Each structure stands twice: as C-alpha cells, then as structure tokens.
Amino acid sequence: MDIIKMSVGDIVELKKPHPCGGKCFKILRVGSQIRVVCQTCGRDMVIERPKLEKAIKKITNNENGVQNG
C-alpha cells in the first residue's frame, strides 16, 4: 500500500459527503492522524490516515492548483 502524499493547505474531495452536504476538506495537520476542516460548515475533525486515504476522491494542491488522483 502506497502512502498518499498530502500536505498542510491541500484541499481533499471525498467520495461521500459530510452530513452538512460538503465534500471538500482543508488539511490542517498531517501525520498518522490527519486534522481536516469542512469547507462548507467549518467542522474541525481528526481522522486516521488509512481511513481518510480510502475516502479520498481528489486532492488539490492549494498553492499550485495541481490536482492529484
């Protein structure tokens, strides 16, 4: 299993929506647990890295606008 490269400031789009309806989350902290904030409602949460990696549909690098996945 390859580790997906993510960095602080990246925007990730998930396969399933958050209960508020938003699918995009901004990464605030990276490690074995990843801290993200919902771009729609502002909810801040910590997710285990393997669980988040399985849920990612697309990663957008915030600085360059580069899309991965």
Protein backbone atom coordinates (compact mmCIF):
# COMPACT_ATOMS: atom_id res chain seq x y z
CA MET A 1 0.00 0.00 0.00
CA ASP A 2 1.40 3.35 -1.05
CA ILE A 3 1.10 6.38 1.20
CA ILE A 4 -0.70 9.26 -0.47
CA LYS A 5 1.28 12.50 -0.26
CA MET A 6 -0.70 15.22 1.45
CA SER A 7 0.48 18.48 2.91
CA VAL A 8 -0.97 21.26 5.05
CA GLY A 9 -3.19 23.54 2.98
CA ASP A 10 -4.25 20.90 0.45
CA ILE A 11 -7.96 20.54 -0.30
CA VAL A 12 -9.28 16.96 -0.46
CA GLU A 13 -12.57 15.96 -2.05
CA LEU A 14 -14.10 12.85 -0.51
CA LYS A 15 -16.26 10.19 -2.15
CA LYS A 16 -19.11 10.59 0.37
CA PRO A 17 -20.42 13.94 1.63
CA HIS A 18 -20.20 15.21 5.20
CA PRO A 19 -23.62 15.37 6.96
CA CYS A 20 -23.78 19.10 6.10
CA GLY A 21 -23.55 18.19 2.39
CA GLY A 22 -19.98 19.35 1.73
CA LYS A 23 -17.38 17.08 0.15
CA CYS A 24 -14.29 19.32 0.34
CA PHE A 25 -11.98 19.50 3.35
CA LYS A 26 -8.84 21.54 4.00
CA ILE A 27 -5.90 19.73 5.64
CA LEU A 28 -4.65 21.43 8.82
CA ARG A 29 -2.23 18.78 10.17
CA VAL A 30 -0.57 15.70 8.63
CA GLY A 31 0.72 12.60 10.42
CA SER A 32 -0.68 9.20 11.40
CA GLN A 33 -3.84 11.15 12.14
CA ILE A 34 -4.90 13.94 9.82
CA ARG A 35 -6.74 17.04 11.00
CA VAL A 36 -9.19 18.46 8.47
CA VAL A 37 -11.83 21.17 8.43
CA CYS A 38 -15.01 21.05 6.33
CA GLN A 39 -15.07 23.85 3.76
CA THR A 40 -18.88 24.07 3.96
CA CYS A 41 -19.72 24.14 7.68
CA GLY A 42 -16.31 24.68 9.31
CA ARG A 43 -16.40 21.48 11.40
CA ASP A 44 -12.89 20.53 12.58
CA MET A 45 -12.09 16.82 12.93
CA VAL A 46 -9.23 14.33 13.25
CA ILE A 47 -9.29 11.21 11.03
CA GLU A 48 -6.96 8.19 10.98
CA ARG A 49 -4.74 8.33 7.87
CA PRO A 50 -5.76 4.94 6.37
CA LYS A 51 -9.47 5.79 6.72
CA LEU A 52 -9.01 9.17 5.02
CA GLU A 53 -6.85 7.73 2.22
CA LYS A 54 -9.63 5.27 1.32
CA ALA A 55 -12.23 8.06 1.26
CA ILE A 56 -10.29 10.49 -0.98
CA LYS A 57 -11.58 11.11 -4.49
CA LYS A 58 -9.29 14.02 -5.44
CA ILE A 59 -6.51 16.13 -3.89
CA THR A 60 -5.97 19.74 -4.96
CA ASN A 61 -2.66 21.34 -4.02
CA ASN A 62 -3.76 24.73 -2.70
CA GLU A 63 -0.57 26.59 -3.67
CA ASN A 64 -0.21 25.47 -7.30
CA GLY A 65 -3.78 24.40 -8.10
CA VAL A 66 -2.44 20.95 -9.07
CA GLN A 67 -4.93 18.09 -8.86
CA ASN A 68 -3.94 14.53 -7.96
CA GLY A 69 -6.00 11.34 -8.05
